[in-house]
Amino acid sequence: MDFACNFPFFSIMLLMFTGIISMIAGPRPAKILSLAALGISTVLSALLIAYINQTGESFIYMMGHFPAPFGNEISAGMFEAVMAFGICGVAFLSLWGNGASTKTDIPEKKRNLYYIMMDMLMASLLVLIYTNDIFTAYVFVELNTIAACAIVMSKPGGETIAATIRYLIMSLLGSGLFLLGISLIYALTGHLLMPNMHEIIIELVHNSNYTLPLIVIVGLFGVSMAIKSALFPFHSWLPDAHGSATTASSAVLSGLVLKGYIILLIKLFFRVFSLDILKEFHISDVLLVLGLLGMIMGSVKAIKETNIKRMIAYSSVAQIGYIFMGIGMDITIGLVAAVFQILVHMVTKPMLFTAAGGLINVSGHKKDFESLQGSAWKDPLAGVSFIVGSLSMIGIPLFAGFIVKYYLAAAAFDTSKNTLIILAVLVLSTVLNALYYVPAISKIYHRDEASKFNWQDVLRTIGAVGDFPYQASLIIFIILNIILGTCSGPVFQALEMGLDMLG
């Protein structure tokens, strides 16, 4: 086995050991250790992408000295490597860029605990991406839940505590359904490793045995991950949790944590079941309907919001709908578009939350749009970043969100589902996105009639922000969004290769 095959294991253990070491470190060392671990994991993931692209094959990594079924396994292909690269890179930018707000929002005595939980959260996300064992996935789903709740409530206040309780209740409901699904599938197959379960399930479906229990199992997995990824109508916990947390937490929760559960669900669909089984059981039809509803209802809720962070959170509900719509189309181009949407949302939503955090800071830490009027002139880079993120979410050409909508529209013509309904909802969703992002841009750039516009004032404010990591992370987010929007071809090829390896 080549040395590069160790990189997934190294990344997971590095983040876990970093969290352990940070227990005896102060706030600043804990932050440095977290950023270093995420930076190294990003580099390792990039090297893994290059290795898999060179070999053209996925691989299985045995954990410890015991082979399956007694030991544990990691599976890695292009899909896993690209997702790990995106999660580690975006987590690094989110923590690095929002260090100042984290320092302001979180008491010093809790700050090292915050970074410990962030390390554990990132390690658990990597396990969800790489694991080949379904029970291991459950264990780290629970670790993910605990760590996510901890980073929400790290910001003092009754609002965050109430949001954390709602988040915990819904997350535990999802975890319970997932565990119930594991119990049933183990009873049917006698295995916990995904490939072994797949062989038994294919045989059962072929012989028309245990059809109803299998439908129930797929439904349990689907509903559990839908709850945890905030798919409509299981989204009610999302705005409170993401809207009340500190900016770094909001960026990570919306951009990364939600995607970790969807990535796990995609792996289950491919490696445990198959797309043919999902189609035969009409599971994909349910996902398509819920995705379409989420695209509309998330945007309708966002239009009514006056709080910028809650508006962005409701926007995530709509964007999650795009992912499930692509999965529900049952064709390759729709699936690739759905996975590409994971990357787009992974890059764009943390940029929006980071920009919103900057606008809030220069407006006296107020989140309502009335208080944010003119804030984009006080922090021009945040204003530009918010524009780029908004245009991407709307689907304007040259930005990443346009590519997603283009390929989803193309997939609508090839799918066996109702093309006109899919296209109509896609267009309606685009219009609704514009109805809350365009007014938001107008608000943050609105100037008092008595004040005169002066470019010198604008240039002075750029230096006044004075936070290099914050400014650099926003610039990198903007560049990444434009790259995904203008050079999507190689990324699409890599994702298509990754889905082929999963199947």
Protein backbone atom coordinates (compact mmCIF):
# COMPACT_ATOMS: atom_id res chain seq x y z
CA MET A 1 0.00 0.00 0.00
CA ASP A 2 1.34 3.41 -0.97
CA PHE A 3 2.14 5.92 1.75
CA ALA A 4 -0.56 8.33 0.50
CA CYS A 5 -3.20 5.81 1.59
CA ASN A 6 -2.41 6.79 5.19
CA PHE A 7 -3.46 10.41 4.67
CA PRO A 8 -7.15 10.01 5.68
CA PHE A 9 -6.12 8.28 8.91
CA PHE A 10 -3.43 10.89 9.61
CA SER A 11 -5.92 13.74 9.11
CA ILE A 12 -8.50 12.26 11.48
CA MET A 13 -6.02 11.38 14.22
CA LEU A 14 -4.19 14.70 13.91
CA LEU A 15 -7.39 16.64 14.63
CA MET A 16 -8.35 14.35 17.51
CA PHE A 17 -4.91 14.53 19.15
CA THR A 18 -4.90 18.30 18.64
CA GLY A 19 -8.13 18.49 20.62
CA ILE A 20 -6.61 16.39 23.41
CA ILE A 21 -3.42 18.49 23.58
CA SER A 22 -5.47 21.69 23.60
CA MET A 23 -6.99 20.64 26.94
CA ILE A 24 -3.79 21.73 28.69
CA ALA A 25 -3.13 24.70 26.42
CA GLY A 26 -4.26 28.30 26.70
CA PRO A 27 -6.68 29.98 24.29
CA ARG A 28 -4.04 31.25 21.86
CA PRO A 29 -2.03 27.97 21.65
CA ALA A 30 -5.31 26.07 21.20
CA LYS A 31 -6.25 28.32 18.29
CA ILE A 32 -2.81 27.95 16.69
CA LEU A 33 -2.92 24.17 17.08
CA SER A 34 -6.40 24.00 15.53
CA LEU A 35 -5.38 26.14 12.55
CA ALA A 36 -2.17 24.13 12.08
CA ALA A 37 -4.06 20.81 12.18
CA LEU A 38 -6.65 22.07 9.69
CA GLY A 39 -3.92 23.47 7.43
CA ILE A 40 -2.01 20.17 7.44
CA SER A 41 -5.22 18.20 6.84
CA THR A 42 -6.04 20.47 3.88
CA VAL A 43 -2.62 19.80 2.36
CA LEU A 44 -2.93 16.04 2.96
CA SER A 45 -6.36 16.05 1.28
CA ALA A 46 -4.94 17.91 -1.73
CA LEU A 47 -2.13 15.35 -2.00
CA LEU A 48 -4.72 12.57 -1.74
CA ILE A 49 -6.68 14.10 -4.64
CA ALA A 50 -3.50 14.11 -6.74
CA TYR A 51 -2.73 10.50 -5.77
CA ILE A 52 -6.21 9.17 -6.61
CA ASN A 53 -6.25 11.15 -9.86
CA GLN A 54 -2.95 9.50 -10.78
CA THR A 55 -3.98 5.94 -9.87
CA GLY A 56 -7.60 6.29 -11.01
CA GLU A 57 -8.74 3.96 -8.21
CA SER A 58 -10.23 4.17 -4.74
CA PHE A 59 -8.74 2.18 -1.86
CA ILE A 60 -9.62 0.55 1.46
CA TYR A 61 -7.50 1.29 4.53
CA MET A 62 -7.62 -1.23 7.38
CA MET A 63 -7.60 0.32 10.85
CA GLY A 64 -5.33 -1.59 13.26
CA HIS A 65 -4.23 -5.20 12.84
CA PHE A 66 -7.61 -6.88 12.57
CA PRO A 67 -9.35 -7.30 9.21
CA ALA A 68 -13.09 -6.96 8.72
CA PRO A 69 -15.54 -7.86 10.12
CA PHE A 70 -13.68 -7.52 13.47
CA GLY A 71 -11.67 -4.45 12.51
CA ASN A 72 -12.63 -1.10 11.07
CA GLU A 73 -12.07 0.30 7.60
CA ILE A 74 -11.65 3.60 5.83
CA SER A 75 -12.60 3.91 2.17
CA ALA A 76 -11.29 6.77 0.05
CA GLY A 77 -11.87 7.76 -3.55
CA MET A 78 -12.04 11.01 -5.45
CA PHE A 79 -15.42 11.93 -3.92
CA GLU A 80 -14.15 11.57 -0.35
CA ALA A 81 -10.86 13.33 -1.08
CA VAL A 82 -12.54 16.37 -2.68
CA MET A 83 -15.08 16.65 0.15
CA ALA A 84 -12.33 16.38 2.80
CA PHE A 85 -10.27 19.03 1.02
CA GLY A 86 -13.25 21.38 0.91
CA ILE A 87 -14.22 20.85 4.56
CA CYS A 88 -10.69 21.25 5.96
CA GLY A 89 -9.89 24.26 3.77
CA VAL A 90 -13.13 26.10 4.50
CA ALA A 91 -12.89 25.32 8.23
CA PHE A 92 -9.40 26.82 8.25
CA LEU A 93 -10.59 30.00 6.52
CA SER A 94 -13.64 30.28 8.79
CA LEU A 95 -11.66 29.97 12.01
CA TRP A 96 -8.74 32.09 10.80
CA GLY A 97 -10.91 34.83 9.35
CA ASN A 98 -13.28 35.08 12.32
CA GLY A 99 -10.67 34.97 15.07
CA ALA A 100 -11.41 38.53 16.19
CA SER A 101 -15.15 37.94 16.58
CA THR A 102 -14.49 34.66 18.38
CA LYS A 103 -12.24 36.52 20.81
CA THR A 104 -14.99 39.11 21.38
CA ASP A 105 -17.95 36.72 21.68
CA ILE A 106 -16.42 33.90 23.75
CA PRO A 107 -15.06 34.45 27.28
CA GLU A 108 -11.33 33.79 27.59
CA LYS A 109 -11.74 30.90 30.03
CA LYS A 110 -13.94 29.08 27.49
CA ARG A 111 -11.90 29.79 24.39
CA ASN A 112 -9.60 26.78 24.51
CA LEU A 113 -12.67 24.58 25.11
CA TYR A 114 -14.19 26.12 21.99
CA TYR A 115 -11.22 25.09 19.87
CA ILE A 116 -11.21 21.61 21.43
CA MET A 117 -14.82 21.15 20.33
CA MET A 118 -14.00 22.55 16.90
CA ASP A 119 -11.17 20.00 16.54
CA MET A 120 -13.51 17.17 17.50
CA LEU A 121 -16.18 18.50 15.15
CA MET A 122 -13.78 18.51 12.20
CA ALA A 123 -12.43 15.06 13.07
CA SER A 124 -15.97 13.67 13.21
CA LEU A 125 -16.79 15.21 9.82
CA LEU A 126 -13.75 13.52 8.29
CA VAL A 127 -14.86 10.20 9.79
CA LEU A 128 -18.32 10.62 8.24
CA ILE A 129 -16.62 11.21 4.89
CA TYR A 130 -14.14 8.32 5.03
CA THR A 131 -15.63 5.55 7.18
CA ASN A 132 -16.64 2.27 5.60
CA ASP A 133 -18.35 1.06 8.80
CA ILE A 134 -21.90 2.18 9.47
CA PHE A 135 -21.72 1.86 13.26
CA THR A 136 -18.55 3.93 13.36
CA ALA A 137 -20.51 6.52 11.40
CA TYR A 138 -23.17 6.51 14.14
CA VAL A 139 -20.59 6.98 16.91
CA PHE A 140 -19.13 10.02 15.19
CA VAL A 141 -22.57 11.38 14.28
CA GLU A 142 -23.13 11.57 18.05
CA LEU A 143 -19.71 13.18 18.63
CA ASN A 144 -20.55 15.63 15.87
CA THR A 145 -23.84 16.50 17.58
CA ILE A 146 -22.21 17.13 20.96
CA ALA A 147 -19.43 19.25 19.46
CA ALA A 148 -21.84 21.25 17.30
CA CYS A 149 -24.08 22.03 20.28
CA ALA A 150 -21.02 23.07 22.29
CA ILE A 151 -19.83 25.60 19.70
CA VAL A 152 -23.35 27.08 19.47
CA MET A 153 -23.65 27.65 23.23
CA SER A 154 -20.04 28.84 23.60
CA LYS A 155 -21.38 32.38 23.14
CA PRO A 156 -22.98 33.37 26.46
CA GLY A 157 -26.65 34.32 26.58
CA GLY A 158 -30.11 32.89 27.00
CA GLU A 159 -30.72 33.04 23.25
CA THR A 160 -27.85 30.66 22.47
CA ILE A 161 -28.81 28.27 25.29
CA ALA A 162 -32.40 28.05 24.03
CA ALA A 163 -31.16 27.55 20.45
CA THR A 164 -28.78 24.82 21.62
CA ILE A 165 -31.55 22.94 23.41
CA ARG A 166 -33.73 22.98 20.27
CA TYR A 167 -30.73 21.93 18.17
CA LEU A 168 -29.92 19.09 20.59
CA ILE A 169 -33.49 17.76 20.68
CA MET A 170 -33.77 17.62 16.89
CA SER A 171 -30.27 16.18 16.49
CA LEU A 172 -30.96 13.44 19.02
CA LEU A 173 -34.18 12.59 17.22
CA GLY A 174 -32.21 12.20 14.00
CA SER A 175 -29.52 10.14 15.74
CA GLY A 176 -32.14 7.86 17.28
CA LEU A 177 -33.73 7.15 13.90
CA PHE A 178 -30.30 6.50 12.41
CA LEU A 179 -29.45 3.99 15.18
CA LEU A 180 -32.80 2.27 14.69
CA GLY A 181 -32.02 1.93 10.97
CA ILE A 182 -28.61 0.43 11.79
CA SER A 183 -30.22 -2.10 14.16
CA LEU A 184 -32.68 -3.22 11.49
CA ILE A 185 -30.13 -3.47 8.70
CA TYR A 186 -27.75 -5.43 10.94
CA ALA A 187 -30.58 -7.82 11.77
CA LEU A 188 -31.18 -8.39 8.04
CA THR A 189 -27.59 -8.58 6.81
CA GLY A 190 -25.43 -9.52 9.81
CA HIS A 191 -22.82 -6.94 8.74
CA LEU A 192 -21.80 -3.39 9.60
CA LEU A 193 -19.33 -2.78 6.77
CA MET A 194 -21.00 -1.04 3.84
CA PRO A 195 -19.78 -3.30 0.97
CA ASN A 196 -20.80 -6.46 2.86
CA MET A 197 -24.24 -5.05 3.56
CA HIS A 198 -24.56 -4.06 -0.08
CA GLU A 199 -24.03 -7.63 -1.30
CA ILE A 200 -26.72 -9.02 1.01
CA ILE A 201 -29.21 -6.26 0.18
CA ILE A 202 -28.79 -6.72 -3.57
CA GLU A 203 -29.53 -10.42 -3.12
CA LEU A 204 -32.59 -9.71 -0.94
CA VAL A 205 -34.02 -7.23 -3.45
CA HIS A 206 -33.33 -9.61 -6.34
CA ASN A 207 -35.27 -12.37 -4.56
CA SER A 208 -38.00 -9.94 -3.41
CA ASN A 209 -37.31 -10.79 0.24
CA TYR A 210 -37.90 -8.37 3.14
CA THR A 211 -38.99 -5.60 0.81
CA LEU A 212 -41.01 -3.69 3.41
CA PRO A 213 -38.26 -3.78 6.09
CA LEU A 214 -35.76 -2.52 3.50
CA ILE A 215 -38.06 0.36 2.57
CA VAL A 216 -38.38 1.22 6.27
CA ILE A 217 -34.59 1.10 6.69
CA VAL A 218 -33.93 3.40 3.74
CA GLY A 219 -36.65 5.71 5.03
CA LEU A 220 -35.09 5.80 8.51
CA PHE A 221 -31.67 6.67 7.10
CA GLY A 222 -33.16 9.30 4.82
CA VAL A 223 -35.30 10.98 7.50
CA SER A 224 -32.51 10.92 10.10
CA MET A 225 -30.03 12.65 7.79
CA ALA A 226 -32.76 15.00 6.51
CA ILE A 227 -33.38 16.16 10.09
CA LYS A 228 -29.69 16.68 10.73
CA SER A 229 -29.09 18.49 7.43
CA ALA A 230 -32.17 20.75 7.91
CA LEU A 231 -34.10 19.58 4.86
CA PHE A 232 -37.64 20.98 4.78
CA PRO A 233 -39.82 20.31 6.81
CA PHE A 234 -37.19 19.35 9.43
CA HIS A 235 -35.50 22.76 9.41
CA SER A 236 -37.11 24.63 12.32
CA TRP A 237 -34.03 24.37 14.58
CA LEU A 238 -31.63 25.87 12.01
CA PRO A 239 -32.27 29.66 12.09
CA ASP A 240 -32.04 29.90 15.89
CA ALA A 241 -28.85 27.85 16.14
CA HIS A 242 -27.03 29.52 13.25
CA GLY A 243 -28.42 32.97 13.87
CA SER A 244 -27.43 33.21 17.53
CA ALA A 245 -23.99 31.55 17.44
CA THR A 246 -20.72 33.39 17.02
CA THR A 247 -19.76 34.08 13.40
CA ALA A 248 -17.14 31.32 13.12
CA SER A 249 -19.64 28.79 14.50
CA SER A 250 -22.37 29.93 12.09
CA ALA A 251 -19.97 29.64 9.15
CA VAL A 252 -18.86 26.12 10.12
CA LEU A 253 -22.33 24.86 11.04
CA SER A 254 -24.02 26.07 7.86
CA GLY A 255 -21.17 25.53 5.42
CA LEU A 256 -19.75 22.24 6.71
CA VAL A 257 -21.71 20.38 9.39
CA LEU A 258 -24.92 20.20 7.35
CA LYS A 259 -22.91 18.87 4.39
CA GLY A 260 -21.26 16.13 6.47
CA TYR A 261 -24.61 14.41 6.99
CA ILE A 262 -25.53 14.72 3.31
CA ILE A 263 -22.16 13.26 2.32
CA LEU A 264 -22.78 10.31 4.64
CA LEU A 265 -26.27 9.83 3.16
CA ILE A 266 -24.84 9.81 -0.38
CA LYS A 267 -22.31 7.17 0.66
CA LEU A 268 -25.10 5.05 2.17
CA PHE A 269 -27.16 5.35 -1.01
CA PHE A 270 -24.25 4.29 -3.19
CA ARG A 271 -22.28 1.83 -1.05
CA VAL A 272 -25.07 0.16 0.98
CA PHE A 273 -28.02 0.35 -1.36
CA SER A 274 -27.91 1.52 -5.00
CA LEU A 275 -29.60 4.14 -7.13
CA ASP A 276 -31.72 1.42 -8.75
CA ILE A 277 -33.05 0.35 -5.34
CA LEU A 278 -33.83 3.96 -4.40
CA LYS A 279 -35.73 4.33 -7.63
CA GLU A 280 -37.58 1.04 -7.19
CA PHE A 281 -38.63 1.99 -3.64
CA HIS A 282 -39.58 5.54 -4.80
CA ILE A 283 -37.24 7.03 -2.19
CA SER A 284 -35.77 9.34 -4.82
CA ASP A 285 -39.27 10.65 -5.59
CA VAL A 286 -39.72 11.64 -1.94
CA LEU A 287 -36.32 13.36 -1.87
CA LEU A 288 -37.17 15.25 -5.05
CA VAL A 289 -40.47 16.53 -3.63
CA LEU A 290 -38.90 17.57 -0.31
CA GLY A 291 -36.05 19.24 -2.17
CA LEU A 292 -38.44 21.24 -4.34
CA LEU A 293 -40.50 22.26 -1.31
CA GLY A 294 -37.37 23.26 0.58
CA MET A 295 -36.22 25.48 -2.29
CA ILE A 296 -39.47 27.43 -2.07
CA MET A 297 -40.26 27.45 1.65
CA GLY A 298 -36.71 28.30 2.74
CA SER A 299 -36.73 31.35 0.47
CA VAL A 300 -40.24 32.39 1.58
CA LYS A 301 -39.07 32.33 5.21
CA ALA A 302 -35.91 34.27 4.30
CA ILE A 303 -37.94 37.02 2.60
CA LYS A 304 -39.78 37.70 5.85
CA GLU A 305 -36.61 37.95 7.97
CA THR A 306 -35.23 41.25 9.28
CA ASN A 307 -32.20 39.65 10.96
CA ILE A 308 -29.30 39.19 8.52
CA LYS A 309 -27.92 36.01 10.08
CA ARG A 310 -31.32 34.36 10.31
CA MET A 311 -31.98 35.33 6.68
CA ILE A 312 -28.75 33.61 5.62
CA ALA A 313 -29.71 30.58 7.73
CA TYR A 314 -33.12 30.28 6.02
CA SER A 315 -31.30 30.62 2.70
CA SER A 316 -29.38 27.47 3.68
CA VAL A 317 -32.70 25.59 3.90
CA ALA A 318 -33.40 26.58 0.29
CA GLN A 319 -29.88 25.66 -0.84
CA ILE A 320 -30.09 22.25 0.86
CA GLY A 321 -33.24 21.76 -1.23
CA TYR A 322 -31.17 22.09 -4.42
CA ILE A 323 -28.92 19.24 -3.25
CA PHE A 324 -31.80 16.87 -2.56
CA MET A 325 -33.51 17.85 -5.80
CA GLY A 326 -30.39 16.81 -7.72
CA ILE A 327 -30.19 13.50 -5.82
CA GLY A 328 -33.88 12.84 -6.47
CA MET A 329 -33.54 13.15 -10.26
CA ASP A 330 -32.02 9.64 -10.56
CA ILE A 331 -29.51 10.59 -13.28
CA THR A 332 -25.76 11.16 -13.27
CA ILE A 333 -25.77 14.84 -14.24
CA GLY A 334 -28.28 15.60 -11.47
CA LEU A 335 -26.19 13.75 -8.88
CA VAL A 336 -22.98 15.50 -9.98
CA ALA A 337 -24.79 18.86 -9.85
CA ALA A 338 -26.02 18.02 -6.33
CA VAL A 339 -22.49 17.19 -5.17
CA PHE A 340 -21.17 20.34 -6.88
CA GLN A 341 -23.82 22.28 -4.95
CA ILE A 342 -22.35 20.85 -1.75
CA LEU A 343 -19.01 22.44 -2.70
CA VAL A 344 -20.62 25.71 -3.78
CA HIS A 345 -22.59 26.04 -0.56
CA MET A 346 -19.52 24.95 1.40
CA VAL A 347 -17.60 27.93 0.00
CA THR A 348 -20.34 30.56 -0.34
CA LYS A 349 -22.27 30.31 2.92
CA PRO A 350 -19.23 30.75 5.23
CA MET A 351 -18.30 33.79 3.11
CA LEU A 352 -21.78 35.24 3.64
CA PHE A 353 -21.70 34.62 7.39
CA THR A 354 -18.18 36.05 7.66
CA ALA A 355 -19.20 39.13 5.67
CA ALA A 356 -22.36 39.49 7.78
CA GLY A 357 -20.22 39.28 10.92
CA GLY A 358 -18.08 42.14 9.64
CA LEU A 359 -21.13 44.25 8.81
CA ILE A 360 -22.60 43.54 12.24
CA ASN A 361 -19.35 44.54 13.98
CA VAL A 362 -19.22 47.96 12.28
CA SER A 363 -22.91 48.55 13.09
CA GLY A 364 -22.65 48.28 16.85
CA HIS A 365 -23.16 44.49 16.93
CA LYS A 366 -26.76 44.82 15.72
CA LYS A 367 -28.16 42.26 13.28
CA ASP A 368 -31.36 43.88 12.00
CA PHE A 369 -31.28 45.44 8.53
CA GLU A 370 -32.36 48.87 9.76
CA SER A 371 -29.25 49.06 11.92
CA LEU A 372 -27.08 47.71 9.08
CA GLN A 373 -27.91 50.55 6.68
CA GLY A 374 -24.70 51.93 5.19
CA SER A 375 -22.55 49.28 6.89
CA ALA A 376 -21.03 48.19 3.55
CA TRP A 377 -19.35 51.62 3.30
CA LYS A 378 -17.83 51.13 6.74
CA ASP A 379 -16.46 47.71 5.78
CA PRO A 380 -16.20 47.70 1.96
CA LEU A 381 -14.65 44.22 1.69
CA ALA A 382 -17.53 42.73 3.67
CA GLY A 383 -19.95 44.55 1.36
CA VAL A 384 -18.26 43.20 -1.78
CA SER A 385 -18.14 39.69 -0.30
CA PHE A 386 -21.83 39.88 0.55
CA ILE A 387 -22.58 40.94 -3.03
CA VAL A 388 -20.54 38.06 -4.48
CA GLY A 389 -22.21 35.55 -2.16
CA SER A 390 -25.65 36.94 -2.90
CA LEU A 391 -25.16 36.89 -6.67
CA SER A 392 -23.91 33.32 -6.42
CA MET A 393 -26.96 32.24 -4.40
CA ILE A 394 -29.26 33.96 -6.90
CA GLY A 395 -27.50 32.23 -9.82
CA ILE A 396 -25.86 35.08 -11.74
CA PRO A 397 -23.33 33.98 -14.42
CA LEU A 398 -19.60 34.00 -13.52
CA PHE A 399 -20.42 32.91 -9.97
CA ALA A 400 -20.56 29.36 -8.61
CA GLY A 401 -24.31 29.20 -7.99
CA PHE A 402 -25.05 29.77 -11.67
CA ILE A 403 -23.24 26.56 -12.64
CA VAL A 404 -25.35 24.55 -10.21
CA LYS A 405 -28.62 25.90 -11.57
CA TYR A 406 -27.46 25.46 -15.16
CA TYR A 407 -26.67 21.78 -14.68
CA LEU A 408 -29.80 21.13 -12.63
CA ALA A 409 -31.85 22.69 -15.46
CA ALA A 410 -30.00 20.51 -17.98
CA ALA A 411 -30.69 17.45 -15.80
CA ALA A 412 -34.39 18.32 -15.74
CA PHE A 413 -34.58 17.70 -19.50
CA ASP A 414 -32.99 14.25 -19.17
CA THR A 415 -34.76 12.90 -16.10
CA SER A 416 -37.85 10.75 -16.24
CA LYS A 417 -39.48 13.01 -13.62
CA ASN A 418 -41.79 15.93 -14.49
CA THR A 419 -39.49 18.33 -16.32
CA LEU A 420 -41.87 21.29 -16.34
CA ILE A 421 -42.45 21.20 -12.58
CA ILE A 422 -38.72 20.98 -11.86
CA LEU A 423 -37.91 23.87 -14.21
CA ALA A 424 -40.79 25.98 -12.85
CA VAL A 425 -39.64 25.51 -9.24
CA LEU A 426 -36.03 26.22 -10.26
CA VAL A 427 -37.06 29.51 -11.87
CA LEU A 428 -39.36 30.43 -8.98
CA SER A 429 -36.63 29.68 -6.46
CA THR A 430 -34.20 31.92 -8.37
CA VAL A 431 -36.71 34.77 -8.32
CA LEU A 432 -37.35 34.27 -4.59
CA ASN A 433 -33.59 34.26 -3.90
CA ALA A 434 -33.36 37.64 -5.60
CA LEU A 435 -36.31 38.96 -3.58
CA TYR A 436 -34.36 38.77 -0.31
CA TYR A 437 -30.72 39.08 -1.37
CA VAL A 438 -31.19 42.18 -3.56
CA PRO A 439 -33.04 44.16 -0.83
CA ALA A 440 -30.36 43.06 1.65
CA ILE A 441 -27.65 44.46 -0.62
CA SER A 442 -29.66 47.65 -1.00
CA LYS A 443 -29.94 48.00 2.78
CA ILE A 444 -26.24 47.57 3.55
CA TYR A 445 -25.32 50.10 0.83
CA HIS A 446 -28.02 52.62 1.67
CA ARG A 447 -26.61 56.03 2.63
CA ASP A 448 -28.29 58.87 4.43
CA GLU A 449 -29.46 61.56 2.02
CA ALA A 450 -27.54 64.22 3.94
CA SER A 451 -24.21 62.41 3.58
CA LYS A 452 -22.16 62.85 0.44
CA PHE A 453 -20.41 60.01 -1.32
CA ASN A 454 -16.60 60.28 -1.14
CA TRP A 455 -14.19 57.62 -2.35
CA GLN A 456 -11.55 58.87 0.07
CA ASP A 457 -13.85 58.00 2.97
CA VAL A 458 -14.31 54.52 1.53
CA LEU A 459 -10.58 53.96 1.10
CA ARG A 460 -9.91 55.09 4.66
CA THR A 461 -12.41 52.58 6.04
CA ILE A 462 -10.64 49.68 4.30
CA GLY A 463 -7.59 50.25 6.46
CA ALA A 464 -9.68 51.03 9.51
CA VAL A 465 -10.97 47.44 9.73
CA GLY A 466 -7.35 46.40 10.26
CA ASP A 467 -7.88 42.62 10.57
CA PHE A 468 -5.64 40.88 8.03
CA PRO A 469 -6.91 37.27 8.57
CA TYR A 470 -10.49 38.48 8.22
CA GLN A 471 -9.76 40.42 5.04
CA ALA A 472 -7.57 37.67 3.54
CA SER A 473 -10.16 34.94 4.19
CA LEU A 474 -12.90 37.00 2.49
CA ILE A 475 -10.67 37.61 -0.54
CA ILE A 476 -9.89 33.88 -0.77
CA PHE A 477 -13.60 33.02 -0.48
CA ILE A 478 -14.38 35.46 -3.33
CA ILE A 479 -11.65 33.94 -5.51
CA LEU A 480 -12.84 30.39 -4.81
CA ASN A 481 -16.41 31.31 -5.71
CA ILE A 482 -15.37 32.85 -9.01
CA ILE A 483 -13.09 29.88 -9.80
CA LEU A 484 -15.97 27.46 -9.22
CA GLY A 485 -18.16 29.67 -11.39
CA THR A 486 -15.75 30.00 -14.33
CA CYS A 487 -13.58 26.85 -14.22
CA SER A 488 -16.04 24.18 -13.13
CA GLY A 489 -15.07 21.62 -15.79
CA PRO A 490 -12.18 19.90 -13.92
CA VAL A 491 -14.18 19.91 -10.68
CA PHE A 492 -17.15 18.28 -12.41
CA GLN A 493 -14.88 15.63 -13.92
CA ALA A 494 -13.35 14.89 -10.50
CA LEU A 495 -16.79 14.61 -8.88
CA GLU A 496 -18.07 12.35 -11.66
CA MET A 497 -15.02 10.13 -11.19
CA GLY A 498 -15.68 10.10 -7.45
CA LEU A 499 -19.31 9.02 -7.82
CA ASP A 500 -18.23 6.25 -10.23
CA MET A 501 -15.81 5.02 -7.57
CA LEU A 502 -18.58 5.03 -4.96
CA GLY A 503 -20.81 2.92 -7.17
